Amino acid sequence: MLLNHALTASKKDGLRRELLISRLVRFHWDRIHLEKVKKAYATRYGQDLQDAVKEGTSGQWGLFCRELCIYRMPDHVKTIENVKSRDRDRDRDRERDRDRDRDRDRDRDRDRD
């Protein structure tokens, strides 16, 4: 299996990191395929894929690779309104209204004089 090859390759091999990351990223985005790969890995090598990644990697890079073994995206992604954008638009509208009121008051004051 290609994942096992990337995990067991010499740690001095610079290509090893690229191979492992590219394989994990490819599986990470397809929940069904990732689950099949994890099951096949456990059956063939007698070890959980995430545990094998933990043993074969270290540091921040290792943590990144372990996190790729977890599928987090739901089957149905909902649109979430960007609250900061909405607040920024509301503040901009309020400022525009204040400017308009200020101009109107200034014009009214001129007309009185």
PDB file of N, CA and C in Angstrom:
ATOM      1  N   MET A   1       0.842  -1.170   0.000  1.00  0.00           N
ATOM      2  CA  MET A   1       0.000   0.000   0.000  1.00  0.00           C
ATOM      3  C   MET A   1       0.891   1.239   0.000  1.00  0.00           C
ATOM      4  N   LEU A   2       0.491   2.245  -0.747  1.00  0.00           N
ATOM      5  CA  LEU A   2       1.318   3.436  -0.919  1.00  0.00           C
ATOM      6  C   LEU A   2       1.539   4.203   0.378  1.00  0.00           C
ATOM      7  N   LEU A   3       0.541   4.232   1.244  1.00  0.00           N
ATOM      8  CA  LEU A   3       0.709   4.925   2.526  1.00  0.00           C
ATOM      9  C   LEU A   3       1.796   4.261   3.364  1.00  0.00           C
ATOM     10  N   ASN A   4       1.767   2.957   3.422  1.00  0.00           N
ATOM     11  CA  ASN A   4       2.776   2.243   4.202  1.00  0.00           C
ATOM     12  C   ASN A   4       4.172   2.505   3.647  1.00  0.00           C
ATOM     13  N   HIS A   5       4.280   2.561   2.345  1.00  0.00           N
ATOM     14  CA  HIS A   5       5.568   2.869   1.727  1.00  0.00           C
ATOM     15  C   HIS A   5       6.069   4.239   2.182  1.00  0.00           C
ATOM     16  N   ALA A   6       5.185   5.211   2.176  1.00  0.00           N
ATOM     17  CA  ALA A   6       5.576   6.563   2.597  1.00  0.00           C
ATOM     18  C   ALA A   6       5.926   6.601   4.081  1.00  0.00           C
ATOM     19  N   LEU A   7       5.261   5.795   4.880  1.00  0.00           N
ATOM     20  CA  LEU A   7       5.534   5.780   6.316  1.00  0.00           C
ATOM     21  C   LEU A   7       6.816   5.032   6.671  1.00  0.00           C
ATOM     22  N   THR A   8       7.164   4.047   5.879  1.00  0.00           N
ATOM     23  CA  THR A   8       8.326   3.224   6.210  1.00  0.00           C
ATOM     24  C   THR A   8       9.575   3.596   5.424  1.00  0.00           C
ATOM     25  N   ALA A   9       9.471   4.517   4.502  1.00  0.00           N
ATOM     26  CA  ALA A   9      10.647   4.949   3.734  1.00  0.00           C
ATOM     27  C   ALA A   9      11.656   5.586   4.672  1.00  0.00           C
ATOM     28  N   SER A  10      12.876   5.633   4.264  1.00  0.00           N
ATOM     29  CA  SER A  10      13.940   6.217   5.080  1.00  0.00           C
ATOM     30  C   SER A  10      13.583   7.646   5.472  1.00  0.00           C
ATOM     31  N   LYS A  11      13.798   7.961   6.744  1.00  0.00           N
ATOM     32  CA  LYS A  11      13.475   9.304   7.232  1.00  0.00           C
ATOM     33  C   LYS A  11      14.385  10.351   6.609  1.00  0.00           C
ATOM     34  N   LYS A  12      15.480   9.915   6.009  1.00  0.00           N
ATOM     35  CA  LYS A  12      16.384  10.847   5.334  1.00  0.00           C
ATOM     36  C   LYS A  12      15.905  11.174   3.925  1.00  0.00           C
ATOM     37  N   ASP A  13      14.933  10.415   3.458  1.00  0.00           N
ATOM     38  CA  ASP A  13      14.407  10.604   2.113  1.00  0.00           C
ATOM     39  C   ASP A  13      13.468  11.815   2.103  1.00  0.00           C
ATOM     40  N   GLY A  14      13.877  12.885   1.427  1.00  0.00           N
ATOM     41  CA  GLY A  14      13.081  14.108   1.370  1.00  0.00           C
ATOM     42  C   GLY A  14      11.745  13.928   0.662  1.00  0.00           C
ATOM     43  N   LEU A  15      11.680  12.998  -0.253  1.00  0.00           N
ATOM     44  CA  LEU A  15      10.455  12.742  -1.002  1.00  0.00           C
ATOM     45  C   LEU A  15       9.380  12.106  -0.116  1.00  0.00           C
ATOM     46  N   ARG A  16       9.813  11.472   0.963  1.00  0.00           N
ATOM     47  CA  ARG A  16       8.905  10.777   1.880  1.00  0.00           C
ATOM     48  C   ARG A  16       7.793  11.701   2.382  1.00  0.00           C
ATOM     49  N   ARG A  17       8.151  12.899   2.798  1.00  0.00           N
ATOM     50  CA  ARG A  17       7.160  13.852   3.317  1.00  0.00           C
ATOM     51  C   ARG A  17       6.129  14.207   2.248  1.00  0.00           C
ATOM     52  N   GLU A  18       6.607  14.509   1.067  1.00  0.00           N
ATOM     53  CA  GLU A  18       5.700  14.866  -0.021  1.00  0.00           C
ATOM     54  C   GLU A  18       4.750  13.721  -0.358  1.00  0.00           C
ATOM     55  N   LEU A  19       5.271  12.512  -0.398  1.00  0.00           N
ATOM     56  CA  LEU A  19       4.446  11.348  -0.711  1.00  0.00           C
ATOM     57  C   LEU A  19       3.358  11.148   0.348  1.00  0.00           C
ATOM     58  N   LEU A  20       3.759  11.225   1.607  1.00  0.00           N
ATOM     59  CA  LEU A  20       2.801  10.998   2.682  1.00  0.00           C
ATOM     60  C   LEU A  20       1.719  12.076   2.696  1.00  0.00           C
ATOM     61  N   ILE A  21       2.121  13.306   2.598  1.00  0.00           N
ATOM     62  CA  ILE A  21       1.140  14.396   2.623  1.00  0.00           C
ATOM     63  C   ILE A  21       0.196  14.312   1.428  1.00  0.00           C
ATOM     64  N   SER A  22       0.735  14.098   0.244  1.00  0.00           N
ATOM     65  CA  SER A  22      -0.138  14.052  -0.933  1.00  0.00           C
ATOM     66  C   SER A  22      -1.134  12.906  -0.834  1.00  0.00           C
ATOM     67  N   ARG A  23      -0.718  11.778  -0.291  1.00  0.00           N
ATOM     68  CA  ARG A  23      -1.635  10.642  -0.162  1.00  0.00           C
ATOM     69  C   ARG A  23      -2.685  10.897   0.905  1.00  0.00           C
ATOM     70  N   LEU A  24      -2.274  11.464   2.025  1.00  0.00           N
ATOM     71  CA  LEU A  24      -3.235  11.741   3.096  1.00  0.00           C
ATOM     72  C   LEU A  24      -4.231  12.820   2.695  1.00  0.00           C
ATOM     73  N   VAL A  25      -3.761  13.847   2.024  1.00  0.00           N
ATOM     74  CA  VAL A  25      -4.666  14.924   1.600  1.00  0.00           C
ATOM     75  C   VAL A  25      -5.694  14.386   0.620  1.00  0.00           C
ATOM     76  N   ARG A  26      -5.263  13.558  -0.293  1.00  0.00           N
ATOM     77  CA  ARG A  26      -6.173  12.983  -1.284  1.00  0.00           C
ATOM     78  C   ARG A  26      -7.291  12.192  -0.602  1.00  0.00           C
ATOM     79  N   PHE A  27      -6.957  11.427   0.424  1.00  0.00           N
ATOM     80  CA  PHE A  27      -7.954  10.629   1.125  1.00  0.00           C
ATOM     81  C   PHE A  27      -8.823  11.479   2.052  1.00  0.00           C
ATOM     82  N   HIS A  28      -8.236  12.484   2.635  1.00  0.00           N
ATOM     83  CA  HIS A  28      -8.918  13.305   3.647  1.00  0.00           C
ATOM     84  C   HIS A  28     -10.213  13.924   3.126  1.00  0.00           C
ATOM     85  N   TRP A  29     -10.236  14.327   1.872  1.00  0.00           N
ATOM     86  CA  TRP A  29     -11.400  15.042   1.345  1.00  0.00           C
ATOM     87  C   TRP A  29     -12.515  14.144   0.850  1.00  0.00           C
ATOM     88  N   ASP A  30     -12.304  12.855   0.870  1.00  0.00           N
ATOM     89  CA  ASP A  30     -13.342  11.915   0.449  1.00  0.00           C
ATOM     90  C   ASP A  30     -13.607  10.963   1.618  1.00  0.00           C
ATOM     91  N   ARG A  31     -14.619  11.283   2.415  1.00  0.00           N
ATOM     92  CA  ARG A  31     -14.877  10.548   3.652  1.00  0.00           C
ATOM     93  C   ARG A  31     -15.027   9.050   3.419  1.00  0.00           C
ATOM     94  N   ILE A  32     -15.782   8.677   2.416  1.00  0.00           N
ATOM     95  CA  ILE A  32     -16.031   7.255   2.150  1.00  0.00           C
ATOM     96  C   ILE A  32     -14.735   6.548   1.771  1.00  0.00           C
ATOM     97  N   HIS A  33     -13.956   7.166   0.902  1.00  0.00           N
ATOM     98  CA  HIS A  33     -12.691   6.558   0.494  1.00  0.00           C
ATOM     99  C   HIS A  33     -11.713   6.485   1.670  1.00  0.00           C
ATOM    100  N   LEU A  34     -11.672   7.532   2.490  1.00  0.00           N
ATOM    101  CA  LEU A  34     -10.782   7.537   3.655  1.00  0.00           C
ATOM    102  C   LEU A  34     -11.128   6.377   4.585  1.00  0.00           C
ATOM    103  N   GLU A  35     -12.398   6.164   4.838  1.00  0.00           N
ATOM    104  CA  GLU A  35     -12.806   5.060   5.709  1.00  0.00           C
ATOM    105  C   GLU A  35     -12.403   3.707   5.117  1.00  0.00           C
ATOM    106  N   LYS A  36     -12.522   3.566   3.809  1.00  0.00           N
ATOM    107  CA  LYS A  36     -12.103   2.316   3.154  1.00  0.00           C
ATOM    108  C   LYS A  36     -10.594   2.118   3.278  1.00  0.00           C
ATOM    109  N   VAL A  37      -9.844   3.201   3.095  1.00  0.00           N
ATOM    110  CA  VAL A  37      -8.381   3.126   3.199  1.00  0.00           C
ATOM    111  C   VAL A  37      -7.979   2.761   4.625  1.00  0.00           C
ATOM    112  N   LYS A  38      -8.611   3.381   5.607  1.00  0.00           N
ATOM    113  CA  LYS A  38      -8.282   3.087   7.004  1.00  0.00           C
ATOM    114  C   LYS A  38      -8.586   1.621   7.350  1.00  0.00           C
ATOM    115  N   LYS A  39      -9.708   1.134   6.847  1.00  0.00           N
ATOM    116  CA  LYS A  39     -10.079  -0.263   7.106  1.00  0.00           C
ATOM    117  C   LYS A  39      -9.093  -1.215   6.430  1.00  0.00           C
ATOM    118  N   ALA A  40      -8.753  -0.928   5.173  1.00  0.00           N
ATOM    119  CA  ALA A  40      -7.807  -1.771   4.439  1.00  0.00           C
ATOM    120  C   ALA A  40      -6.432  -1.742   5.094  1.00  0.00           C
ATOM    121  N   TYR A  41      -6.013  -0.580   5.573  1.00  0.00           N
ATOM    122  CA  TYR A  41      -4.707  -0.458   6.230  1.00  0.00           C
ATOM    123  C   TYR A  41      -4.676  -1.306   7.498  1.00  0.00           C
ATOM    124  N   ALA A  42      -5.739  -1.209   8.305  1.00  0.00           N
ATOM    125  CA  ALA A  42      -5.802  -1.984   9.547  1.00  0.00           C
ATOM    126  C   ALA A  42      -5.817  -3.488   9.253  1.00  0.00           C
ATOM    127  N   THR A  43      -6.532  -3.891   8.219  1.00  0.00           N
ATOM    128  CA  THR A  43      -6.598  -5.309   7.862  1.00  0.00           C
ATOM    129  C   THR A  43      -5.248  -5.820   7.380  1.00  0.00           C
ATOM    130  N   ARG A  44      -4.602  -5.038   6.549  1.00  0.00           N
ATOM    131  CA  ARG A  44      -3.340  -5.485   5.948  1.00  0.00           C
ATOM    132  C   ARG A  44      -2.154  -5.394   6.898  1.00  0.00           C
ATOM    133  N   TYR A  45      -2.090  -4.328   7.703  1.00  0.00           N
ATOM    134  CA  TYR A  45      -0.912  -4.107   8.541  1.00  0.00           C
ATOM    135  C   TYR A  45      -1.181  -4.299  10.036  1.00  0.00           C
ATOM    136  N   GLY A  46      -2.424  -4.580  10.407  1.00  0.00           N
ATOM    137  CA  GLY A  46      -2.755  -4.836  11.805  1.00  0.00           C
ATOM    138  C   GLY A  46      -2.586  -3.638  12.716  1.00  0.00           C
ATOM    139  N   GLN A  47      -2.708  -2.459  12.138  1.00  0.00           N
ATOM    140  CA  GLN A  47      -2.515  -1.234  12.923  1.00  0.00           C
ATOM    141  C   GLN A  47      -3.427  -0.138  12.371  1.00  0.00           C
ATOM    142  N   ASP A  48      -3.949   0.667  13.279  1.00  0.00           N
ATOM    143  CA  ASP A  48      -4.768   1.810  12.883  1.00  0.00           C
ATOM    144  C   ASP A  48      -3.898   2.786  12.101  1.00  0.00           C
ATOM    145  N   LEU A  49      -4.443   3.353  11.037  1.00  0.00           N
ATOM    146  CA  LEU A  49      -3.679   4.274  10.193  1.00  0.00           C
ATOM    147  C   LEU A  49      -3.158   5.466  10.987  1.00  0.00           C
ATOM    148  N   GLN A  50      -4.003   6.032  11.835  1.00  0.00           N
ATOM    149  CA  GLN A  50      -3.566   7.200  12.608  1.00  0.00           C
ATOM    150  C   GLN A  50      -2.428   6.836  13.556  1.00  0.00           C
ATOM    151  N   ASP A  51      -2.464   5.650  14.141  1.00  0.00           N
ATOM    152  CA  ASP A  51      -1.362   5.215  15.012  1.00  0.00           C
ATOM    153  C   ASP A  51      -0.081   5.018  14.207  1.00  0.00           C
ATOM    154  N   ALA A  52      -0.210   4.465  13.014  1.00  0.00           N
ATOM    155  CA  ALA A  52       0.970   4.269  12.160  1.00  0.00           C
ATOM    156  C   ALA A  52       1.579   5.613  11.768  1.00  0.00           C
ATOM    157  N   VAL A  53       0.716   6.587  11.482  1.00  0.00           N
ATOM    158  CA  VAL A  53       1.199   7.921  11.128  1.00  0.00           C
ATOM    159  C   VAL A  53       1.890   8.551  12.335  1.00  0.00           C
ATOM    160  N   LYS A  54       1.335   8.354  13.513  1.00  0.00           N
ATOM    161  CA  LYS A  54       1.933   8.903  14.741  1.00  0.00           C
ATOM    162  C   LYS A  54       3.323   8.318  14.969  1.00  0.00           C
ATOM    163  N   GLU A  55       3.472   7.015  14.753  1.00  0.00           N
ATOM    164  CA  GLU A  55       4.775   6.359  14.939  1.00  0.00           C
ATOM    165  C   GLU A  55       5.777   6.754  13.853  1.00  0.00           C
ATOM    166  N   GLY A  56       5.286   7.010  12.653  1.00  0.00           N
ATOM    167  CA  GLY A  56       6.177   7.284  11.530  1.00  0.00           C
ATOM    168  C   GLY A  56       6.530   8.742  11.325  1.00  0.00           C
ATOM    169  N   THR A  57       5.937   9.632  12.131  1.00  0.00           N
ATOM    170  CA  THR A  57       6.184  11.067  11.971  1.00  0.00           C
ATOM    171  C   THR A  57       6.461  11.688  13.337  1.00  0.00           C
ATOM    172  N   SER A  58       6.838  12.961  13.315  1.00  0.00           N
ATOM    173  CA  SER A  58       7.086  13.646  14.587  1.00  0.00           C
ATOM    174  C   SER A  58       6.869  15.148  14.421  1.00  0.00           C
ATOM    175  N   GLY A  59       6.767  15.836  15.549  1.00  0.00           N
ATOM    176  CA  GLY A  59       6.670  17.294  15.548  1.00  0.00           C
ATOM    177  C   GLY A  59       5.384  17.811  14.947  1.00  0.00           C
ATOM    178  N   GLN A  60       5.434  19.061  14.521  1.00  0.00           N
ATOM    179  CA  GLN A  60       4.259  19.716  13.926  1.00  0.00           C
ATOM    180  C   GLN A  60       3.836  19.029  12.634  1.00  0.00           C
ATOM    181  N   TRP A  61       4.817  18.587  11.876  1.00  0.00           N
ATOM    182  CA  TRP A  61       4.511  17.877  10.636  1.00  0.00           C
ATOM    183  C   TRP A  61       3.743  16.592  10.940  1.00  0.00           C
ATOM    184  N   GLY A  62       4.153  15.884  11.965  1.00  0.00           N
ATOM    185  CA  GLY A  62       3.474  14.657  12.369  1.00  0.00           C
ATOM    186  C   GLY A  62       2.051  14.928  12.818  1.00  0.00           C
ATOM    187  N   LEU A  63       1.874  15.997  13.591  1.00  0.00           N
ATOM    188  CA  LEU A  63       0.537  16.374  14.036  1.00  0.00           C
ATOM    189  C   LEU A  63      -0.352  16.694  12.832  1.00  0.00           C
ATOM    190  N   PHE A  64       0.201  17.424  11.869  1.00  0.00           N
ATOM    191  CA  PHE A  64      -0.539  17.753  10.643  1.00  0.00           C
ATOM    192  C   PHE A  64      -0.975  16.473   9.930  1.00  0.00           C
ATOM    193  N   CYS A  65      -0.062  15.526   9.807  1.00  0.00           N
ATOM    194  CA  CYS A  65      -0.384  14.268   9.119  1.00  0.00           C
ATOM    195  C   CYS A  65      -1.433  13.474   9.890  1.00  0.00           C
ATOM    196  N   ARG A  66      -1.334  13.435  11.212  1.00  0.00           N
ATOM    197  CA  ARG A  66      -2.331  12.715  12.013  1.00  0.00           C
ATOM    198  C   ARG A  66      -3.709  13.339  11.868  1.00  0.00           C
ATOM    199  N   GLU A  67      -3.754  14.664  11.816  1.00  0.00           N
ATOM    200  CA  GLU A  67      -5.046  15.343  11.663  1.00  0.00           C
ATOM    201  C   GLU A  67      -5.667  15.054  10.294  1.00  0.00           C
ATOM    202  N   LEU A  68      -4.847  14.793   9.305  1.00  0.00           N
ATOM    203  CA  LEU A  68      -5.378  14.453   7.977  1.00  0.00           C
ATOM    204  C   LEU A  68      -6.059  13.081   7.975  1.00  0.00           C
ATOM    205  N   CYS A  69      -5.789  12.277   8.979  1.00  0.00           N
ATOM    206  CA  CYS A  69      -6.413  10.954   9.077  1.00  0.00           C
ATOM    207  C   CYS A  69      -7.824  11.032   9.648  1.00  0.00           C
ATOM    208  N   ILE A  70      -8.259  12.229  10.017  1.00  0.00           N
ATOM    209  CA  ILE A  70      -9.583  12.425  10.593  1.00  0.00           C
ATOM    210  C   ILE A  70     -10.427  13.185   9.591  1.00  0.00           C
ATOM    211  N   TYR A  71     -11.578  12.632   9.289  1.00  0.00           N
ATOM    212  CA  TYR A  71     -12.476  13.294   8.343  1.00  0.00           C
ATOM    213  C   TYR A  71     -13.415  14.191   9.123  1.00  0.00           C
ATOM    214  N   ARG A  72     -13.411  15.475   8.812  1.00  0.00           N
ATOM    215  CA  ARG A  72     -14.221  16.416   9.579  1.00  0.00           C
ATOM    216  C   ARG A  72     -15.338  17.069   8.770  1.00  0.00           C
ATOM    217  N   MET A  73     -15.309  16.987   7.489  1.00  0.00           N
ATOM    218  CA  MET A  73     -16.310  17.669   6.667  1.00  0.00           C
ATOM    219  C   MET A  73     -17.594  16.851   6.640  1.00  0.00           C
ATOM    220  N   PRO A  74     -18.720  17.496   6.940  1.00  0.00           N
ATOM    221  CA  PRO A  74     -19.994  16.776   6.859  1.00  0.00           C
ATOM    222  C   PRO A  74     -20.361  16.517   5.405  1.00  0.00           C
ATOM    223  N   ASP A  75     -21.287  15.592   5.217  1.00  0.00           N
ATOM    224  CA  ASP A  75     -21.742  15.293   3.857  1.00  0.00           C
ATOM    225  C   ASP A  75     -22.456  16.485   3.247  1.00  0.00           C
ATOM    226  N   HIS A  76     -23.086  17.270   4.072  1.00  0.00           N
ATOM    227  CA  HIS A  76     -23.837  18.419   3.594  1.00  0.00           C
ATOM    228  C   HIS A  76     -23.260  19.663   4.257  1.00  0.00           C
ATOM    229  N   VAL A  77     -22.629  20.501   3.497  1.00  0.00           N
ATOM    230  CA  VAL A  77     -22.031  21.716   4.036  1.00  0.00           C
ATOM    231  C   VAL A  77     -23.044  22.846   3.925  1.00  0.00           C
ATOM    232  N   LYS A  78     -23.337  23.482   5.039  1.00  0.00           N
ATOM    233  CA  LYS A  78     -24.302  24.571   5.066  1.00  0.00           C
ATOM    234  C   LYS A  78     -23.569  25.893   4.904  1.00  0.00           C
ATOM    235  N   THR A  79     -24.261  26.849   4.324  1.00  0.00           N
ATOM    236  CA  THR A  79     -23.709  28.183   4.175  1.00  0.00           C
ATOM    237  C   THR A  79     -23.889  28.927   5.488  1.00  0.00           C
ATOM    238  N   ILE A  80     -22.828  29.517   5.959  1.00  0.00           N
ATOM    239  CA  ILE A  80     -22.869  30.273   7.203  1.00  0.00           C
ATOM    240  C   ILE A  80     -22.587  31.722   6.873  1.00  0.00           C
ATOM    241  N   GLU A  81     -23.455  32.583   7.351  1.00  0.00           N
ATOM    242  CA  GLU A  81     -23.293  34.012   7.096  1.00  0.00           C
ATOM    243  C   GLU A  81     -22.059  34.516   7.819  1.00  0.00           C
ATOM    244  N   ASN A  82     -21.309  35.335   7.153  1.00  0.00           N
ATOM    245  CA  ASN A  82     -20.124  35.912   7.761  1.00  0.00           C
ATOM    246  C   ASN A  82     -20.558  37.062   8.657  1.00  0.00           C
ATOM    247  N   VAL A  83     -20.493  36.867   9.949  1.00  0.00           N
ATOM    248  CA  VAL A  83     -20.986  37.847  10.912  1.00  0.00           C
ATOM    249  C   VAL A  83     -20.183  39.142  10.840  1.00  0.00           C
ATOM    250  N   LYS A  84     -18.877  39.024  10.709  1.00  0.00           N
ATOM    251  CA  LYS A  84     -18.056  40.237  10.635  1.00  0.00           C
ATOM    252  C   LYS A  84     -18.430  41.078   9.423  1.00  0.00           C
ATOM    253  N   SER A  85     -18.660  40.439   8.320  1.00  0.00           N
ATOM    254  CA  SER A  85     -19.049  41.158   7.105  1.00  0.00           C
ATOM    255  C   SER A  85     -20.390  41.842   7.299  1.00  0.00           C
ATOM    256  N   ARG A  86     -21.324  41.131   7.910  1.00  0.00           N
ATOM    257  CA  ARG A  86     -22.646  41.705   8.153  1.00  0.00           C
ATOM    258  C   ARG A  86     -22.537  42.904   9.084  1.00  0.00           C
ATOM    259  N   ASP A  87     -21.747  42.800  10.146  1.00  0.00           N
ATOM    260  CA  ASP A  87     -21.565  43.910  11.087  1.00  0.00           C
ATOM    261  C   ASP A  87     -20.890  45.101  10.409  1.00  0.00           C
ATOM    262  N   ARG A  88     -19.919  44.819   9.566  1.00  0.00           N
ATOM    263  CA  ARG A  88     -19.213  45.886   8.854  1.00  0.00           C
ATOM    264  C   ARG A  88     -20.177  46.632   7.937  1.00  0.00           C
ATOM    265  N   ASP A  89     -21.031  45.891   7.239  1.00  0.00           N
ATOM    266  CA  ASP A  89     -22.028  46.520   6.365  1.00  0.00           C
ATOM    267  C   ASP A  89     -23.001  47.364   7.170  1.00  0.00           C
ATOM    268  N   ARG A  90     -23.439  46.867   8.307  1.00  0.00           N
ATOM    269  CA  ARG A  90     -24.364  47.609   9.165  1.00  0.00           C
ATOM    270  C   ARG A  90     -23.706  48.900   9.665  1.00  0.00           C
ATOM    271  N   ASP A  91     -22.444  48.814  10.088  1.00  0.00           N
ATOM    272  CA  ASP A  91     -21.726  50.009  10.556  1.00  0.00           C
ATOM    273  C   ASP A  91     -21.564  51.035   9.435  1.00  0.00           C
ATOM    274  N   ARG A  92     -21.292  50.557   8.244  1.00  0.00           N
ATOM    275  CA  ARG A  92     -21.139  51.447   7.096  1.00  0.00           C
ATOM    276  C   ARG A  92     -22.463  52.167   6.806  1.00  0.00           C
ATOM    277  N   ASP A  93     -23.564  51.434   6.868  1.00  0.00           N
ATOM    278  CA  ASP A  93     -24.886  52.040   6.651  1.00  0.00           C
ATOM    279  C   ASP A  93     -25.193  53.081   7.717  1.00  0.00           C
ATOM    280  N   ARG A  94     -24.856  52.799   8.946  1.00  0.00           N
ATOM    281  CA  ARG A  94     -25.096  53.759  10.033  1.00  0.00           C
ATOM    282  C   ARG A  94     -24.279  55.023   9.830  1.00  0.00           C
ATOM    283  N   GLU A  95     -23.028  54.865   9.432  1.00  0.00           N
ATOM    284  CA  GLU A  95     -22.160  56.021   9.188  1.00  0.00           C
ATOM    285  C   GLU A  95     -22.704  56.866   8.038  1.00  0.00           C
ATOM    286  N   ARG A  96     -23.168  56.206   6.996  1.00  0.00           N
ATOM    287  CA  ARG A  96     -23.752  56.918   5.858  1.00  0.00           C
ATOM    288  C   ARG A  96     -25.005  57.686   6.291  1.00  0.00           C
ATOM    289  N   ASP A  97     -25.834  57.085   7.137  1.00  0.00           N
ATOM    290  CA  ASP A  97     -27.029  57.761   7.655  1.00  0.00           C
ATOM    291  C   ASP A  97     -26.658  58.966   8.511  1.00  0.00           C
ATOM    292  N   ARG A  98     -25.636  58.837   9.335  1.00  0.00           N
ATOM    293  CA  ARG A  98     -25.185  59.975  10.159  1.00  0.00           C
ATOM    294  C   ARG A  98     -24.675  61.114   9.286  1.00  0.00           C
ATOM    295  N   ASP A  99     -23.909  60.766   8.247  1.00  0.00           N
ATOM    296  CA  ASP A  99     -23.410  61.796   7.328  1.00  0.00           C
ATOM    297  C   ASP A  99     -24.568  62.504   6.632  1.00  0.00           C
ATOM    298  N   ARG A 100     -25.553  61.750   6.211  1.00  0.00           N
ATOM    299  CA  ARG A 100     -26.722  62.320   5.545  1.00  0.00           C
ATOM    300  C   ARG A 100     -27.480  63.256   6.500  1.00  0.00           C
ATOM    301  N   ASP A 101     -27.654  62.834   7.747  1.00  0.00           N
ATOM    302  CA  ASP A 101     -28.329  63.672   8.745  1.00  0.00           C
ATOM    303  C   ASP A 101     -27.536  64.942   9.030  1.00  0.00           C
ATOM    304  N   ARG A 102     -26.238  64.824   9.128  1.00  0.00           N
ATOM    305  CA  ARG A 102     -25.371  65.969   9.367  1.00  0.00           C
ATOM    306  C   ARG A 102     -25.461  66.972   8.211  1.00  0.00           C
ATOM    307  N   ASP A 103     -25.433  66.474   6.978  1.00  0.00           N
ATOM    308  CA  ASP A 103     -25.556  67.354   5.810  1.00  0.00           C
ATOM    309  C   ASP A 103     -26.924  68.035   5.778  1.00  0.00           C
ATOM    310  N   ARG A 104     -27.959  67.282   6.102  1.00  0.00           N
ATOM    311  CA  ARG A 104     -29.307  67.847   6.128  1.00  0.00           C
ATOM    312  C   ARG A 104     -29.417  68.946   7.195  1.00  0.00           C
ATOM    313  N   ASP A 105     -28.848  68.697   8.373  1.00  0.00           N
ATOM    314  CA  ASP A 105     -28.868  69.704   9.442  1.00  0.00           C
ATOM    315  C   ASP A 105     -28.076  70.950   9.035  1.00  0.00           C
ATOM    316  N   ARG A 106     -26.963  70.762   8.393  1.00  0.00           N
ATOM    317  CA  ARG A 106     -26.140  71.886   7.949  1.00  0.00           C
ATOM    318  C   ARG A 106     -26.886  72.722   6.913  1.00  0.00           C
ATOM    319  N   ASP A 107     -27.553  72.039   5.969  1.00  0.00           N
ATOM    320  CA  ASP A 107     -28.339  72.749   4.956  1.00  0.00           C
ATOM    321  C   ASP A 107     -29.502  73.521   5.604  1.00  0.00           C
ATOM    322  N   ARG A 108     -30.127  72.936   6.571  1.00  0.00           N
ATOM    323  CA  ARG A 108     -31.237  73.579   7.281  1.00  0.00           C
ATOM    324  C   ARG A 108     -30.746  74.829   8.012  1.00  0.00           C
ATOM    325  N   ASP A 109     -29.563  74.744   8.644  1.00  0.00           N
ATOM    326  CA  ASP A 109     -28.984  75.879   9.347  1.00  0.00           C
ATOM    327  C   ASP A 109     -28.659  77.013   8.380  1.00  0.00           C
ATOM    328  N   ARG A 110     -28.177  76.691   7.190  1.00  0.00           N
ATOM    329  CA  ARG A 110     -27.861  77.711   6.178  1.00  0.00           C
ATOM    330  C   ARG A 110     -29.128  78.410   5.732  1.00  0.00           C
ATOM    331  N   ASP A 111     -30.180  77.642   5.522  1.00  0.00           N
ATOM    332  CA  ASP A 111     -31.450  78.215   5.074  1.00  0.00           C
ATOM    333  C   ASP A 111     -32.017  79.182   6.123  1.00  0.00           C
ATOM    334  N   ARG A 112     -31.786  78.953   7.384  1.00  0.00           N
ATOM    335  CA  ARG A 112     -32.267  79.846   8.443  1.00  0.00           C
ATOM    336  C   ARG A 112     -31.534  81.164   8.448  1.00  0.00           C
ATOM    337  N   ASP A 113     -30.252  81.138   8.102  1.00  0.00           N
ATOM    338  CA  ASP A 113     -29.443  82.371   8.130  1.00  0.00           C
ATOM    339  C   ASP A 113     -29.745  83.220   6.961  1.00  0.00           C
TER     340      ASP A 113
END
